[in-house]
Protein backbone atom coordinates (compact mmCIF):
# COMPACT_ATOMS: atom_id res chain seq x y z
CA MET A 1 225.10 -5.38 77.17
CA PRO A 2 225.48 -2.32 74.90
CA THR A 3 225.44 1.16 76.40
CA ILE A 4 223.72 4.21 74.97
CA VAL A 5 225.84 7.37 75.08
CA PHE A 6 224.12 10.67 74.35
CA VAL A 7 226.15 13.68 73.18
CA HIS A 8 224.44 17.05 73.46
CA GLY A 9 224.62 20.03 71.09
CA ILE A 10 225.24 23.75 71.41
CA GLY A 11 224.33 25.92 74.37
CA VAL A 12 224.16 23.25 77.09
CA ARG A 13 225.68 24.39 80.40
CA ASP A 14 223.77 22.18 82.83
CA GLU A 15 224.70 18.55 83.31
CA ALA A 16 221.06 17.83 84.16
CA TYR A 17 220.09 19.30 80.73
CA PRO A 18 216.37 19.65 81.57
CA GLY A 19 215.39 20.55 78.00
CA ILE A 20 216.23 17.13 76.57
CA TRP A 21 218.06 14.70 78.84
CA PRO A 22 215.17 13.64 81.16
CA HIS A 23 212.85 13.04 78.20
CA LEU A 24 215.47 11.08 76.29
CA ARG A 25 216.33 8.94 79.29
CA ALA A 26 212.68 8.18 80.05
CA GLY A 27 211.93 7.36 76.41
CA LEU A 28 214.93 5.03 76.06
CA GLN A 29 214.06 3.24 79.29
CA ARG A 30 210.58 2.58 77.91
CA ILE A 31 211.87 0.90 74.76
CA HIS A 32 214.99 -0.74 76.28
CA PRO A 33 214.46 -1.29 80.01
CA GLY A 34 217.73 -1.91 81.81
CA MET A 35 220.04 -0.74 79.01
CA PRO A 36 222.67 1.61 80.50
CA ILE A 37 222.38 5.24 79.37
CA GLU A 38 225.21 7.76 79.79
CA PHE A 39 225.27 11.51 79.14
CA CYS A 40 228.45 12.98 77.64
CA PHE A 41 228.38 16.50 79.07
CA TRP A 42 231.07 18.56 77.34
CA GLY A 43 229.44 22.01 77.55
CA GLY A 44 230.31 22.66 81.18
CA GLU A 45 234.08 22.58 80.72
CA HIS A 46 234.56 23.17 77.00
CA GLY A 47 231.60 25.31 75.94
CA ALA A 48 232.14 28.92 74.90
CA ARG A 49 231.97 31.70 77.49
CA LEU A 50 232.22 35.44 77.07
CA ALA A 51 235.13 36.95 78.99
CA ASP A 52 234.18 39.74 81.38
CA ALA A 53 236.56 42.11 79.59
CA THR A 54 234.42 41.98 76.47
CA ALA A 55 232.09 44.96 76.66
CA PRO A 56 231.39 46.39 73.19
CA GLU A 57 230.10 49.93 72.99
CA PRO A 58 226.44 50.48 72.12
CA GLY A 59 225.65 50.90 68.44
CA ASP A 60 224.79 54.19 66.75
CA ARG A 61 221.15 54.75 67.67
CA ARG A 62 220.27 56.60 64.49
CA ALA A 63 221.85 53.80 62.46
CA GLU A 64 219.54 51.35 64.22
CA LEU A 65 216.56 53.53 63.35
CA TRP A 66 217.60 53.40 59.69
CA ALA A 67 218.03 49.61 59.90
CA ALA A 68 214.43 49.34 61.09
CA THR A 69 213.24 51.66 58.34
CA PHE A 70 214.95 49.69 55.58
CA GLU A 71 213.10 46.64 56.89
CA ASP A 72 209.75 48.48 56.82
CA PRO A 73 209.81 52.07 55.48
CA VAL A 74 206.50 53.03 57.12
CA TRP A 75 206.85 51.48 60.58
CA ALA A 76 207.16 54.94 62.19
CA LEU A 77 203.92 56.02 60.49
CA VAL A 78 202.18 52.95 61.88
CA ALA A 79 203.53 53.74 65.35
CA LEU A 80 202.27 57.32 65.07
CA LEU A 81 198.80 56.10 64.12
CA GLU A 82 198.75 53.82 67.14
CA ARG A 83 199.56 56.74 69.42
CA ALA A 84 196.99 58.99 67.71
CA ALA A 85 194.29 56.38 68.25
CA GLN A 86 194.73 56.76 72.01
CA VAL A 87 194.06 60.52 72.13
CA PRO A 88 191.06 62.56 70.94
CA ALA A 89 191.55 64.26 67.58
CA PRO A 90 191.70 68.07 67.84
CA VAL A 91 188.78 70.00 66.40
CA PRO A 92 189.84 71.48 62.99
CA THR A 93 189.71 75.23 62.59
CA PRO A 94 187.23 76.02 59.80
CA ASP A 95 189.06 79.08 58.48
CA ARG A 96 192.37 77.40 57.58
CA ILE A 97 193.59 74.61 55.34
CA PRO A 98 193.77 71.29 57.21
CA TYR A 99 197.29 70.25 58.18
CA GLY A 100 197.03 66.97 56.28
CA VAL A 101 196.08 68.74 53.08
CA ARG A 102 199.07 71.07 53.41
CA LEU A 103 201.42 68.15 53.98
CA ARG A 104 200.08 66.35 50.92
CA GLU A 105 200.60 69.49 48.84
CA ARG A 106 204.18 69.82 50.10
CA LEU A 107 204.89 66.19 49.20
CA ILE A 108 203.60 66.80 45.66
CA GLU A 109 205.72 69.95 45.43
CA LEU A 110 208.79 67.89 46.39
CA ALA A 111 208.07 65.50 43.53
CA ASP A 112 207.82 68.43 41.09
CA THR A 113 211.07 70.10 42.22
CA ALA A 114 214.08 69.20 40.10
CA ASP A 115 216.86 69.62 42.66
CA VAL A 116 215.81 68.78 46.22
CA LEU A 117 218.38 66.31 47.50
CA ALA A 118 221.40 67.77 45.66
CA ASP A 119 222.10 64.35 44.20
CA ARG A 120 221.23 63.80 40.55
CA GLU A 121 220.48 60.07 40.88
CA LEU A 122 218.46 60.38 44.09
CA ASP A 123 216.53 63.38 42.78
CA ALA A 124 215.64 61.37 39.67
CA HIS A 125 213.95 58.74 41.86
CA LEU A 126 212.32 61.09 44.38
CA PRO A 127 209.08 61.66 42.36
CA ALA A 128 208.40 57.92 42.12
CA ALA A 129 209.17 57.51 45.84
CA VAL A 130 206.67 60.28 46.67
CA GLU A 131 204.10 58.53 44.49
CA ASP A 132 204.76 55.23 46.27
CA LEU A 133 204.41 56.87 49.67
CA LEU A 134 201.15 58.63 48.81
CA ALA A 135 199.71 55.38 47.45
CA MET A 136 200.13 53.61 50.80
CA PRO A 137 196.99 53.37 52.98
CA VAL A 138 198.96 54.14 56.14
CA THR A 139 200.16 57.43 54.63
CA ASN A 140 196.62 58.52 53.83
CA ASP A 141 195.45 57.42 57.28
CA CYS A 142 198.19 59.55 58.81
CA LEU A 143 197.36 62.57 56.65
CA SER A 144 193.73 62.29 57.68
CA ARG A 145 194.84 62.38 61.33
CA ALA A 146 197.55 64.98 60.79
CA GLU A 147 196.17 67.42 63.36
CA ALA A 148 196.51 64.79 66.08
CA LEU A 149 199.94 63.60 64.93
CA GLY A 150 201.42 67.08 64.85
CA VAL A 151 205.07 67.80 64.08
CA GLU A 152 206.09 64.14 64.34
CA LEU A 153 204.26 63.38 61.09
CA PRO A 154 206.56 65.22 58.62
CA VAL A 155 209.53 63.67 60.44
CA ALA A 156 208.14 60.14 59.95
CA LEU A 157 207.06 60.88 56.37
CA SER A 158 210.58 62.07 55.55
CA GLN A 159 212.08 59.00 57.17
CA ALA A 160 209.97 56.75 54.93
CA LEU A 161 210.62 58.88 51.86
CA VAL A 162 214.42 58.72 52.26
CA VAL A 163 214.37 54.93 52.33
CA LEU A 164 211.86 54.59 49.47
CA THR A 165 214.07 56.84 47.34
CA VAL A 166 217.31 55.04 48.18
CA MET A 167 215.73 51.63 47.63
CA ARG A 168 214.66 52.70 44.14
CA VAL A 169 218.27 53.48 43.29
CA GLY A 170 219.63 50.11 44.31
CA GLY A 171 216.65 47.79 43.93
CA ASP A 172 217.04 44.73 46.15
CA GLN A 173 220.52 45.87 47.17
CA PRO A 174 220.53 49.54 48.31
CA PRO A 175 223.58 51.54 47.20
CA VAL A 176 226.49 52.21 49.51
CA LEU A 177 226.17 55.81 50.65
CA ALA A 178 228.65 58.19 52.21
CA PRO A 179 228.50 58.44 56.04
CA GLY A 180 225.76 60.78 57.20
CA THR A 181 223.91 60.74 53.86
CA LEU A 182 220.67 59.31 55.25
CA ASP A 183 220.57 61.88 58.06
CA ARG A 184 221.31 64.70 55.60
CA LEU A 185 218.58 63.58 53.20
CA HIS A 186 216.14 63.31 56.07
CA ASP A 187 216.93 66.83 57.28
CA VAL A 188 216.37 68.26 53.79
CA LEU A 189 213.03 66.53 53.31
CA SER A 190 211.78 67.05 56.84
CA THR A 191 212.58 70.76 56.72
CA ALA A 192 210.80 71.07 53.36
CA LEU A 193 207.72 69.44 54.91
CA GLY A 194 207.85 71.66 57.97
CA GLY A 195 209.32 69.07 60.32
CA ARG A 196 212.45 68.85 62.44
CA PRO A 197 215.94 67.63 61.52
CA MET A 198 217.09 64.17 62.55
CA ALA A 199 219.19 65.50 65.45
CA ARG A 200 215.99 66.50 67.27
CA PHE A 201 213.98 63.42 66.30
CA SER A 202 212.56 61.55 69.28
CA TRP A 203 213.91 58.20 68.08
CA LEU A 204 213.63 56.55 71.50
CA TRP A 205 209.90 57.20 71.80
CA THR A 206 209.23 55.82 68.35
CA LEU A 207 211.29 52.69 68.92
CA ALA A 208 209.63 52.13 72.27
CA ALA A 209 206.16 52.66 70.81
CA ARG A 210 206.99 50.29 67.98
CA LEU A 211 208.14 47.54 70.36
CA LEU A 212 205.44 47.93 73.00
CA ARG A 213 202.57 47.93 70.50
CA PRO A 214 203.95 46.14 67.43
CA PRO A 215 201.62 46.41 64.42
CA ALA A 216 201.40 43.31 62.28
CA ARG A 217 202.75 44.97 59.14
CA ALA A 218 205.85 46.51 60.70
CA ALA A 219 209.02 44.52 61.44
CA LEU A 220 211.81 46.02 63.49
CA TYR A 221 215.03 44.02 63.42
CA PRO A 222 215.44 42.38 66.87
CA MET A 223 219.18 42.47 66.28
CA SER A 224 219.11 46.19 65.56
CA TRP A 225 217.13 46.94 68.71
CA SER A 226 219.57 44.90 70.80
CA MET A 227 222.53 46.66 69.21
CA ALA A 228 220.93 50.02 69.94
CA LEU A 229 220.75 49.19 73.64
CA GLY A 230 224.20 47.63 73.76
CA ARG A 231 225.84 44.52 72.36
CA GLU A 232 227.08 42.92 75.57
CA PRO A 233 223.68 41.58 76.78
CA LEU A 234 223.02 40.21 73.29
CA LEU A 235 226.44 38.58 73.09
CA ARG A 236 226.00 36.96 76.49
CA ARG A 237 222.77 35.38 75.27
CA VAL A 238 224.08 34.08 71.94
CA THR A 239 227.61 33.05 72.99
CA PRO A 240 226.64 29.63 74.40
CA TYR A 241 225.09 28.83 71.01
CA LEU A 242 227.04 30.55 68.24
CA GLY A 243 230.16 30.51 70.42
CA ASP A 244 230.11 26.72 70.77
CA VAL A 245 230.14 26.36 66.99
CA LEU A 246 233.05 28.77 66.64
CA VAL A 247 235.01 27.07 69.40
CA TYR A 248 234.45 23.65 67.87
CA LEU A 249 235.42 24.69 64.33
CA SER A 250 238.52 26.54 65.52
CA ARG A 251 239.79 24.10 68.17
CA GLY A 252 237.44 21.22 68.75
CA ASP A 253 239.97 18.71 70.07
CA ALA A 254 238.89 19.17 73.70
CA ILE A 255 235.25 18.46 72.85
CA ARG A 256 236.16 15.43 70.77
CA ASP A 257 238.46 14.11 73.50
CA GLU A 258 235.61 14.41 76.00
CA ILE A 259 233.43 12.24 73.76
CA VAL A 260 236.23 9.69 73.35
CA ARG A 261 236.57 9.45 77.14
CA ALA A 262 232.83 8.94 77.56
CA VAL A 263 232.75 6.15 74.97
CA GLU A 264 235.92 4.41 76.14
CA ALA A 265 234.61 4.37 79.72
CA GLN A 266 231.99 1.80 78.67
CA THR A 267 232.82 -1.90 78.90
CA GLY A 268 230.97 -3.06 75.80
CA PRO A 269 229.66 -1.81 72.46
CA VAL A 270 228.12 1.65 72.30
CA HIS A 271 225.10 3.12 70.56
CA LEU A 272 225.89 6.81 70.04
CA ILE A 273 223.01 9.32 69.91
CA ALA A 274 224.17 12.84 69.14
CA HIS A 275 222.26 16.10 68.80
CA SER A 276 223.20 19.09 66.62
CA LEU A 277 226.91 19.99 67.07
CA GLY A 278 227.37 16.80 69.06
CA GLY A 279 226.57 14.87 65.89
CA ILE A 280 229.26 16.74 63.97
CA ALA A 281 231.85 15.93 66.63
CA CYS A 282 230.88 12.25 66.66
CA PHE A 283 231.03 12.01 62.87
CA ASP A 284 234.48 13.60 62.86
CA LEU A 285 235.72 11.06 65.41
CA LEU A 286 234.28 8.13 63.49
CA ALA A 287 235.74 9.45 60.24
CA HIS A 288 239.15 9.36 61.91
CA GLY A 289 238.58 5.87 63.33
CA ARG A 290 238.75 7.02 66.96
CA LEU A 291 235.57 5.31 68.22
CA PRO A 292 235.93 1.61 67.36
CA ALA A 293 233.45 0.56 70.07
CA VAL A 294 230.56 2.43 68.44
CA ARG A 295 228.08 0.06 66.84
CA THR A 296 225.43 2.62 65.81
CA LEU A 297 225.44 6.38 65.23
CA VAL A 298 222.14 8.27 65.41
CA THR A 299 222.51 11.95 64.55
CA VAL A 300 219.58 14.23 65.38
CA GLY A 301 219.09 17.74 63.99
CA THR A 302 222.67 18.05 62.77
CA GLN A 303 224.50 20.12 60.18
CA ILE A 304 226.97 17.44 59.04
CA ALA A 305 225.80 17.47 55.43
CA TYR A 306 225.81 21.26 55.21
CA LEU A 307 229.35 21.59 56.57
CA HIS A 308 230.49 18.84 54.23
CA GLN A 309 228.96 20.57 51.21
CA ILE A 310 230.75 23.86 51.99
CA ASP A 311 233.96 21.95 52.78
CA ALA A 312 234.00 23.05 56.43
CA LEU A 313 233.64 19.64 58.10
CA PRO A 314 236.77 19.06 60.21
CA GLY A 315 236.72 15.28 59.86
CA LEU A 316 236.32 14.93 56.09
CA ARG A 317 237.13 17.15 53.14
CA ARG A 318 234.43 17.49 50.51
CA ASP A 319 236.52 15.61 47.94
CA GLY A 320 237.80 13.09 50.50
CA VAL A 321 237.10 9.35 50.56
CA LEU A 322 234.39 8.45 53.03
CA PRO A 323 235.80 5.94 55.54
CA THR A 324 233.93 2.89 56.75
CA LEU A 325 231.34 3.96 59.29
CA PRO A 326 229.08 2.02 61.66
CA GLU A 327 225.36 1.95 60.97
CA TRP A 328 224.36 5.61 60.69
CA VAL A 329 220.82 6.96 60.95
CA ASN A 330 220.27 10.70 60.49
CA VAL A 331 217.04 12.21 61.86
CA TYR A 332 215.87 15.60 60.59
CA ASP A 333 212.82 17.86 60.64
CA ARG A 334 211.92 20.08 57.69
CA GLN A 335 210.99 22.90 60.09
CA ASP A 336 214.31 22.65 61.94
CA ALA A 337 216.60 25.16 60.24
CA LEU A 338 219.63 23.47 61.83
CA SER A 339 218.92 19.98 60.51
CA PHE A 340 219.78 18.57 57.08
CA PRO A 341 219.22 15.26 55.29
CA ALA A 342 222.56 13.50 54.89
CA GLN A 343 221.89 11.00 52.09
CA PRO A 344 222.33 13.56 49.27
CA ALA A 345 225.90 14.12 50.49
CA PHE A 346 226.85 10.66 51.79
CA GLY A 347 224.70 8.24 49.80
CA SER A 348 224.28 4.73 51.12
CA ALA A 349 226.56 5.39 54.10
CA VAL A 350 223.59 6.88 55.95
CA ARG A 351 219.85 6.39 56.24
CA ASP A 352 217.78 9.54 56.57
CA GLU A 353 214.65 9.55 58.69
CA ARG A 354 212.39 12.59 58.47
CA LEU A 355 210.62 13.30 61.73
CA ASP A 356 208.47 16.42 61.35
CA SER A 357 207.22 17.80 64.65
CA GLY A 358 204.84 20.40 63.22
CA LEU A 359 206.54 23.03 65.39
CA PRO A 360 208.29 26.15 64.11
CA PHE A 361 212.00 26.81 64.48
CA PRO A 362 213.66 27.01 67.00
CA LEU A 363 211.20 24.78 68.88
CA ALA A 364 211.59 22.12 66.20
CA HIS A 365 215.31 21.82 66.99
CA GLN A 366 214.55 20.41 70.45
CA ALA A 367 211.27 18.64 69.67
CA TYR A 368 212.69 15.27 68.54
CA PHE A 369 213.15 14.05 72.10
CA ARG A 370 209.53 14.64 73.08
CA ASN A 371 208.20 12.87 70.00
CA GLU A 372 207.07 9.30 70.58
CA ARG A 373 207.81 8.48 66.94
CA PHE A 374 211.48 9.14 67.69
CA TYR A 375 211.54 6.36 70.27
CA ARG A 376 209.71 3.95 67.99
CA LEU A 377 212.46 4.63 65.46
CA LEU A 378 215.17 4.05 68.07
CA ALA A 379 213.53 0.78 69.12
CA ASP A 380 214.37 -0.62 65.68
CA VAL A 381 217.84 0.94 65.46
CA VAL A 382 219.24 0.52 68.98
CA GLU A 383 219.16 -3.15 69.95
């Protein structure tokens, strides 16, 4: 009787593999009662792990603030409005010009001043950036609540104005600036508006306010926030995933040998089901003729075609001759960013089966094994 061998993908460090293995085993037993099913668990011994000595220093906190602002120039203004909404607005004094009116006038004065930033190209774009900023509803909302927002408002306005000016210079690709330029520009503009320089800016409060009460229109880079707190926790989370790919592409022999041992331990023909990186490893072995007992290969959510198209597939160069393969079915989901149809790259050597789960990525990458349509497909392929 044939045996089904399942090869997992990246990030698996538990031989019970609760995310997929129990569902796959139960589904296969429904369609093929009594057929032996084996799990090739290579992640425990050969998966990537971060050495304890690796402890990168935290990133530059002001650089992370600028990263967030290039993603959304007015996120700090949105955060300020959220805070202002939680406190009563101060009563305006009738005998003086409202703070918001004065700030608006100062912004217009900046646009009319020829040499503000001491940079000819940036100064040329500053008037249009001021116009863009004043045209934004959030800016006008902030100016109308200026008394409640206080001295933080010119700081946040200057932060947005720096980025809007720089983005006008470079378009979709901002120019490369000398170190410290963004901070210097901010200090110039903030001082002109009556605010504080960047060195005294309460960046931590603003980041925290932005994360705790995220407005729909603002988007702070998750990567930037993690880097601001320190890279080591982030690296420990991503290493089992990204690290497995790097380990395999640099020295994948140990992973491939583990799969060979799992297949050769079976006494008869083998149906090989492989997920994600596991599918790449199985393809590489079959391309080198190392798994003669395999009757069927089912790859699920894999990147074989992508690696082949960029000539990074270890088992076959892009201009190489495709060897004879067993029956190969490739299952992919259009919402799974890590899955690719294989027929455009490999032609009749493979049959693509699209299995859309309706779930977003990354949930779609694991959803195949809880989809009853997947087992109906396997019932026709694995016999």
